[in-house]
Protein backbone atom coordinates (compact mmCIF):
# COMPACT_ATOMS: atom_id res chain seq x y z
CA MET A 1 39.58 -30.62 30.63
CA SER A 2 41.13 -29.58 33.92
CA ARG A 3 39.08 -27.94 36.64
CA LYS A 4 42.11 -26.09 38.02
CA TRP A 5 42.98 -22.57 36.94
CA GLN A 6 46.01 -20.46 37.78
CA LEU A 7 44.84 -17.11 39.14
CA GLN A 8 46.08 -15.08 36.18
CA ASP A 9 44.32 -17.44 33.74
CA ALA A 10 41.11 -17.36 35.75
CA LYS A 11 41.17 -13.56 35.72
CA ALA A 12 41.77 -13.41 31.98
CA LYS A 13 39.07 -16.01 31.21
CA LEU A 14 36.54 -15.36 33.96
CA SER A 15 33.52 -15.88 31.72
CA GLU A 16 34.87 -19.30 30.70
CA VAL A 17 35.52 -20.22 34.34
CA VAL A 18 31.93 -19.28 35.24
CA THR A 19 30.51 -21.18 32.25
CA ARG A 20 32.48 -24.29 33.18
CA ALA A 21 31.34 -24.01 36.79
CA GLN A 22 27.77 -24.25 35.48
CA THR A 23 28.40 -27.10 33.06
CA GLU A 24 31.29 -29.12 34.54
CA GLY A 25 31.11 -28.42 38.27
CA PRO A 26 33.26 -26.46 40.73
CA GLN A 27 36.38 -24.79 39.31
CA ILE A 28 39.45 -24.47 41.55
CA VAL A 29 41.61 -21.35 41.38
CA THR A 30 45.25 -21.70 42.44
CA TYR A 31 47.72 -19.04 43.52
CA ARG A 32 51.40 -19.93 43.41
CA GLY A 33 50.48 -23.59 43.03
CA VAL A 34 48.23 -23.72 46.10
CA ASP A 35 44.44 -24.16 45.91
CA ARG A 36 42.97 -20.85 47.08
CA ALA A 37 39.38 -20.48 45.85
CA VAL A 38 36.50 -22.30 44.20
CA VAL A 39 34.03 -20.96 41.65
CA LEU A 40 30.60 -22.59 41.98
CA SER A 41 27.45 -22.38 39.94
CA ILE A 42 24.65 -20.48 41.67
CA GLU A 43 22.63 -23.69 41.85
CA GLU A 44 25.41 -25.49 43.72
CA TYR A 45 25.90 -22.52 46.05
CA ARG A 46 22.17 -22.37 46.88
CA ARG A 47 22.10 -26.12 47.50
CA LEU A 48 24.97 -25.81 49.97
CA GLU A 49 23.43 -22.80 51.71
CA ALA A 50 20.06 -24.52 52.08
CA ASN A 51 21.63 -27.34 54.12
CA ARG A 52 23.56 -25.07 56.48
CA PRO A 53 21.93 -24.52 59.88
CA SER A 54 21.77 -21.09 61.45
CA LEU A 55 24.27 -20.33 64.23
CA LEU A 56 21.52 -20.60 66.82
CA ASP A 57 20.37 -23.99 65.49
CA TYR A 58 23.99 -25.20 65.45
CA LEU A 59 24.60 -24.14 69.05
CA MET A 60 21.29 -25.53 70.28
CA ALA A 61 22.12 -28.91 68.69
CA GLY A 62 25.21 -29.24 70.86
CA PRO A 63 25.56 -31.61 73.80
CA LYS A 64 23.03 -31.23 76.61
CA LEU A 65 24.58 -30.83 80.04
CA ASP A 66 22.79 -31.84 83.21
CA ASP A 67 23.04 -29.87 86.46
CA ASP A 68 25.85 -32.08 87.83
CA ALA A 69 27.99 -31.50 84.73
CA ILE A 70 27.45 -27.75 84.92
CA ALA A 71 28.25 -27.77 88.65
CA SER A 72 31.52 -29.64 88.04
CA ILE A 73 32.49 -27.15 85.32
CA ASN A 74 31.76 -24.21 87.62
CA ASP A 75 33.40 -25.85 90.65
CA ARG A 76 36.89 -24.60 90.06
CA SER A 77 39.53 -22.98 92.18
CA ARG A 78 38.95 -19.30 92.91
CA ASP A 79 42.71 -18.81 93.21
CA THR A 80 43.67 -15.70 91.23
CA GLY A 81 47.26 -16.80 90.73
CA ARG A 82 50.50 -15.54 92.13
CA THR A 83 51.67 -11.98 92.51
CA VAL A 84 54.35 -10.94 90.04
CA ASP A 85 56.65 -7.99 90.58
CA LEU A 86 57.56 -6.23 87.37
């Protein structure tokens, strides 16, 4: 059976949508023919959340810049722009 639900059908049959999310996998909810939401089982949600790094971990994993790279980024014109009469 299809894993896509029109919004009005998903609202009317929410318990069935949730049951199918547990047994068949993620259920997609559409609004005016466009995919808008996904209903997941709690197990799937927890699995996804467990693999997501914290914001701090994500930022700390970014590229490491040496002093020369930081100096070149900060070495920019101090020109404040032109004067505009309004």
